[in-house]
Amino acid sequence: MRLFVGSLLLRPYVFLFLLAFLAAGVRDLGVGRTLLFLAWVWPLAFVAEFSSTRIGIPFGLYHYTQTTRGEELFIADVPFFDSLSFTFLAYASLCLARVVLASRNRLAIAGLSGVLMMLLDVVIDPLAVRGDRWFLGRIFWYPEGGVYFGVPLSNFAGWVVVGALGVGGYLLLAGARAIGEKPWPGVGLYYGVLLFNLALTAWIQEWSLLAAGIALHVILAAALVTTSRRPRMA
C-alpha cells in the first residue's frame, strides 16, 4: 500500500487520466464492461512490457532504470503506472475509432484503435525518453537508441499490435453490447492526453518534436474527418 500511494504521489497525472477513463467508461460501457476492459488491457500491456525489457518483443529492447524503486510500485522490473497507462490510452483510441468508423465492424475498430494508440505514442514516447527534463524523471532507456527522436520504429509497431489486441480482445470478451453508446467523453480523453503531452514538449522546448507531433495529428485529424464523412455502405 505504501508503494501504491507512492505511485499516486509521483504520477498524479496518470491517475487523473485513469479516473477520467473510469468515469467515461462507466457512462459508455457500464461498470462491468469497464472493469473487464481494465482487467484485460492492463495484464496484456504488462506482459508486453515485461517481454520487451527482456527479449525486445513487441516494443523493441529497453530497460527501466529502477531509480524510483522503493518510492513507487513495481511489478517485476516494470513500474505499475506505466502498464496501467495503456488502459486509458486504449479506451480513448477505441472511442475515437468508433466515432470515425460509425460502424460495428469489430475487426476494423480494433485495427484502427491500434493505429490511433500508436499515433499518441509518437508524441508520448519521445517525450518520456526526455523525462529527466520534466517531472517524469529518467525512468527508462533504449540501449541502441532510435531513429525517431531516440525511439526505435519497433516501438511504434508494438503499440499498434498491443492496442489492436487490447481493444480486439475486449470486444471479443464483452459480448453483444461491447461497443457502447457514448464515445465522446473518451474522444475528449484522447485529445486531452495528446494536448498534455504536447504542452510538456513545448515546456522542455523540444521544438522539432513538437512540430512533428502537431503536424502528424493535424494530418490525422483531416484524414479522420474525411473518412467519417464518406457515405456508409448499406
Protein backbone atom coordinates (compact mmCIF):
# COMPACT_ATOMS: atom_id res chain seq x y z
CA MET A 1 0.00 0.00 0.00
CA ARG A 2 2.86 2.39 0.77
CA LEU A 3 4.32 1.85 -2.70
CA PHE A 4 0.90 2.26 -4.33
CA VAL A 5 0.48 5.59 -2.55
CA GLY A 6 4.00 6.47 -3.70
CA SER A 7 2.97 5.81 -7.31
CA LEU A 8 -0.05 8.05 -6.82
CA LEU A 9 2.05 10.88 -5.41
CA LEU A 10 4.80 10.58 -8.03
CA ARG A 11 2.45 10.19 -11.03
CA PRO A 12 -0.82 12.02 -10.17
CA TYR A 13 -1.47 12.87 -13.85
CA VAL A 14 -1.62 9.14 -14.69
CA PHE A 15 -4.26 8.51 -12.06
CA LEU A 16 -6.26 11.56 -13.12
CA PHE A 17 -6.39 10.18 -16.66
CA LEU A 18 -7.31 6.78 -15.20
CA LEU A 19 -10.19 8.33 -13.26
CA ALA A 20 -11.34 10.09 -16.44
CA PHE A 21 -11.30 6.72 -18.23
CA LEU A 22 -13.31 5.07 -15.46
CA ALA A 23 -15.90 7.86 -15.42
CA ALA A 24 -16.25 7.89 -19.22
CA GLY A 25 -16.21 4.10 -19.43
CA VAL A 26 -18.94 3.58 -16.83
CA ARG A 27 -21.17 6.03 -18.66
CA ASP A 28 -20.36 4.48 -22.04
CA LEU A 29 -19.94 0.75 -21.37
CA GLY A 30 -21.33 0.23 -17.89
CA VAL A 31 -19.46 -0.79 -14.76
CA GLY A 32 -18.94 -4.44 -15.64
CA ARG A 33 -17.56 -3.89 -19.14
CA THR A 34 -15.35 -1.02 -17.98
CA LEU A 35 -13.80 -3.27 -15.34
CA LEU A 36 -13.46 -6.02 -17.95
CA PHE A 37 -11.62 -3.59 -20.23
CA LEU A 38 -9.25 -2.72 -17.38
CA ALA A 39 -8.80 -6.36 -16.38
CA TRP A 40 -7.92 -7.39 -19.94
CA VAL A 41 -5.80 -4.49 -21.20
CA TRP A 42 -3.64 -3.91 -18.13
CA PRO A 43 -2.25 -7.51 -17.91
CA LEU A 44 -1.76 -7.57 -21.68
CA ALA A 45 0.27 -4.35 -21.50
CA PHE A 46 2.27 -5.63 -18.54
CA VAL A 47 3.19 -8.85 -20.38
CA ALA A 48 4.22 -6.81 -23.43
CA GLU A 49 6.45 -4.57 -21.31
CA PHE A 50 7.87 -7.47 -19.30
CA SER A 51 8.75 -9.24 -22.56
CA SER A 52 10.19 -6.13 -24.20
CA THR A 53 12.56 -5.44 -21.30
CA ARG A 54 13.97 -8.95 -21.73
CA ILE A 55 13.79 -10.01 -25.37
CA GLY A 56 12.69 -6.83 -27.16
CA ILE A 57 9.26 -8.07 -28.26
CA PRO A 58 6.97 -6.30 -29.15
CA PHE A 59 8.28 -2.77 -28.43
CA GLY A 60 11.99 -3.28 -29.03
CA LEU A 61 14.53 -3.72 -26.27
CA TYR A 62 14.52 -1.16 -23.47
CA HIS A 63 15.23 -1.11 -19.75
CA TYR A 64 13.79 0.69 -16.75
CA THR A 65 16.36 2.49 -14.62
CA GLN A 66 14.80 1.36 -11.30
CA THR A 67 15.74 4.74 -9.80
CA THR A 68 12.35 5.07 -8.09
CA ARG A 69 12.24 1.51 -6.74
CA GLY A 70 11.26 1.79 -3.09
CA GLU A 71 9.33 5.00 -3.84
CA GLU A 72 6.64 3.64 -6.16
CA LEU A 73 5.12 0.28 -7.03
CA PHE A 74 6.98 -2.01 -9.42
CA ILE A 75 5.81 -5.38 -10.69
CA ALA A 76 8.98 -7.28 -11.53
CA ASP A 77 11.03 -4.58 -13.32
CA VAL A 78 8.04 -2.62 -14.71
CA PRO A 79 6.62 0.44 -12.91
CA PHE A 80 2.94 -0.14 -12.13
CA PHE A 81 1.84 3.23 -13.53
CA ASP A 82 3.40 2.57 -16.94
CA SER A 83 1.46 -0.53 -17.94
CA LEU A 84 -1.65 0.92 -16.24
CA SER A 85 -1.48 3.87 -18.67
CA PHE A 86 -2.29 1.57 -21.56
CA THR A 87 -5.83 1.12 -20.25
CA PHE A 88 -6.94 4.72 -20.72
CA LEU A 89 -4.92 5.14 -23.92
CA ALA A 90 -6.58 2.06 -25.43
CA TYR A 91 -10.05 3.13 -24.32
CA ALA A 92 -9.61 6.65 -25.70
CA SER A 93 -8.41 5.19 -29.00
CA LEU A 94 -11.38 2.82 -29.09
CA CYS A 95 -13.77 5.75 -28.65
CA LEU A 96 -12.19 7.78 -31.45
CA ALA A 97 -12.17 4.76 -33.76
CA ARG A 98 -15.89 4.19 -33.11
CA VAL A 99 -16.74 7.80 -33.96
CA VAL A 100 -14.66 7.79 -37.14
CA LEU A 101 -15.87 4.45 -38.47
CA ALA A 102 -19.51 4.82 -37.37
CA SER A 103 -19.53 1.06 -37.69
CA ARG A 104 -19.89 -2.04 -35.56
CA ASN A 105 -17.27 -3.95 -37.53
CA ARG A 106 -15.17 -5.12 -34.60
CA LEU A 107 -12.11 -6.06 -36.64
CA ALA A 108 -11.97 -2.60 -38.24
CA ILE A 109 -12.48 -0.89 -34.87
CA ALA A 110 -9.71 -2.93 -33.24
CA GLY A 111 -7.28 -2.26 -36.09
CA LEU A 112 -7.93 1.48 -36.19
CA SER A 113 -7.74 1.66 -32.39
CA GLY A 114 -4.24 0.15 -32.53
CA VAL A 115 -3.13 2.73 -35.10
CA LEU A 116 -4.66 5.62 -33.14
CA MET A 117 -2.99 4.49 -29.93
CA MET A 118 0.36 4.28 -31.70
CA LEU A 119 -0.11 7.83 -33.01
CA LEU A 120 -0.49 9.04 -29.43
CA ASP A 121 2.76 7.29 -28.59
CA VAL A 122 4.53 9.09 -31.41
CA VAL A 123 4.26 12.11 -29.08
CA ILE A 124 4.38 10.29 -25.71
CA ASP A 125 7.45 8.08 -26.06
CA PRO A 126 9.99 10.63 -27.37
CA LEU A 127 8.86 12.92 -24.54
CA ALA A 128 9.22 10.12 -21.99
CA VAL A 129 12.78 9.40 -23.20
CA ARG A 130 13.49 13.00 -22.17
CA GLY A 131 11.84 12.51 -18.78
CA ASP A 132 14.88 13.83 -16.93
CA ARG A 133 13.93 17.28 -18.26
CA TRP A 134 10.47 17.25 -16.68
CA PHE A 135 8.76 15.64 -13.70
CA LEU A 136 8.66 12.09 -15.10
CA GLY A 137 12.38 11.59 -14.43
CA ARG A 138 14.74 9.36 -16.35
CA ILE A 139 12.93 6.06 -15.85
CA PHE A 140 13.96 4.05 -18.95
CA TRP A 141 16.25 3.99 -21.95
CA TYR A 142 16.73 2.21 -25.28
CA PRO A 143 20.25 0.68 -25.36
CA GLU A 144 20.53 1.24 -29.11
CA GLY A 145 18.58 4.49 -29.31
CA GLY A 146 16.18 5.01 -32.18
CA VAL A 147 15.71 6.94 -35.40
CA TYR A 148 12.64 8.90 -34.30
CA PHE A 149 13.83 11.32 -31.61
CA GLY A 150 15.62 8.49 -29.83
CA VAL A 151 12.80 5.94 -30.17
CA PRO A 152 13.10 2.84 -32.41
CA LEU A 153 10.42 2.21 -35.02
CA SER A 154 9.83 -1.23 -33.49
CA ASN A 155 8.28 0.53 -30.50
CA PHE A 156 5.54 2.03 -32.65
CA ALA A 157 4.86 -1.28 -34.38
CA GLY A 158 4.48 -2.85 -30.95
CA TRP A 159 1.96 -0.22 -29.93
CA VAL A 160 -0.21 -0.98 -32.96
CA VAL A 161 -0.17 -4.67 -32.09
CA VAL A 162 -0.84 -4.23 -28.36
CA GLY A 163 -3.52 -1.60 -28.98
CA ALA A 164 -5.32 -3.76 -31.53
CA LEU A 165 -5.10 -6.85 -29.32
CA GLY A 166 -6.23 -4.91 -26.27
CA VAL A 167 -9.31 -3.47 -27.95
CA GLY A 168 -9.99 -6.58 -30.05
CA GLY A 169 -9.75 -8.89 -27.05
CA TYR A 170 -12.13 -6.70 -25.07
CA LEU A 171 -14.64 -6.60 -27.95
CA LEU A 172 -14.48 -10.38 -28.16
CA LEU A 173 -14.90 -10.92 -24.43
CA ALA A 174 -17.55 -8.30 -23.71
CA GLY A 175 -20.35 -9.68 -25.85
CA ALA A 176 -23.13 -8.03 -27.80
CA ARG A 177 -23.03 -4.62 -26.05
CA ALA A 178 -19.24 -4.28 -26.05
CA ILE A 179 -19.08 -1.25 -28.34
CA GLY A 180 -21.12 1.07 -26.14
CA GLU A 181 -23.20 4.11 -26.98
CA LYS A 182 -21.45 7.24 -25.65
CA PRO A 183 -17.93 7.55 -27.06
CA TRP A 184 -17.50 11.35 -26.98
CA PRO A 185 -16.07 11.65 -23.44
CA GLY A 186 -13.47 9.07 -24.50
CA VAL A 187 -12.66 11.14 -27.58
CA GLY A 188 -12.14 14.08 -25.24
CA LEU A 189 -9.78 11.90 -23.20
CA TYR A 190 -7.79 11.07 -26.36
CA TYR A 191 -7.21 14.72 -27.16
CA GLY A 192 -6.69 15.61 -23.51
CA VAL A 193 -3.79 13.16 -23.33
CA LEU A 194 -2.43 14.49 -26.62
CA LEU A 195 -2.58 18.14 -25.51
CA PHE A 196 -1.00 17.30 -22.14
CA ASN A 197 1.99 15.72 -23.87
CA LEU A 198 2.28 18.45 -26.49
CA ALA A 199 2.27 21.06 -23.72
CA LEU A 200 5.08 19.26 -21.91
CA THR A 201 7.01 19.00 -25.17
CA ALA A 202 6.73 22.78 -25.53
CA TRP A 203 7.70 23.26 -21.88
CA ILE A 204 11.03 21.46 -22.40
CA GLN A 205 11.47 23.41 -25.65
CA GLU A 206 11.75 20.42 -27.96
CA TRP A 207 10.51 22.42 -30.91
CA SER A 208 11.26 19.86 -33.65
CA LEU A 209 9.44 17.13 -31.73
CA LEU A 210 6.54 19.50 -31.04
CA ALA A 211 6.28 20.46 -34.72
CA ALA A 212 6.37 16.80 -35.80
CA GLY A 213 3.68 15.85 -33.29
CA ILE A 214 1.37 18.71 -34.23
CA ALA A 215 1.84 18.15 -37.97
CA LEU A 216 1.16 14.43 -37.65
CA HIS A 217 -2.03 14.92 -35.66
CA VAL A 218 -3.31 17.71 -37.90
CA ILE A 219 -2.90 15.35 -40.87
CA LEU A 220 -4.53 12.58 -38.85
CA ALA A 221 -7.48 14.80 -37.90
CA ALA A 222 -8.01 15.81 -41.55
CA ALA A 223 -7.89 12.15 -42.62
CA LEU A 224 -10.33 11.13 -39.88
CA VAL A 225 -12.79 13.89 -40.76
CA THR A 226 -12.63 12.94 -44.44
CA THR A 227 -13.16 9.27 -43.61
CA SER A 228 -16.06 9.96 -41.26
CA ARG A 229 -17.88 11.99 -43.95
CA ARG A 230 -17.79 9.29 -46.57
CA PRO A 231 -21.16 7.65 -47.24
CA ARG A 232 -21.52 4.32 -45.49
CA MET A 233 -22.20 1.14 -47.35
CA ALA A 234 -25.59 -0.34 -46.56
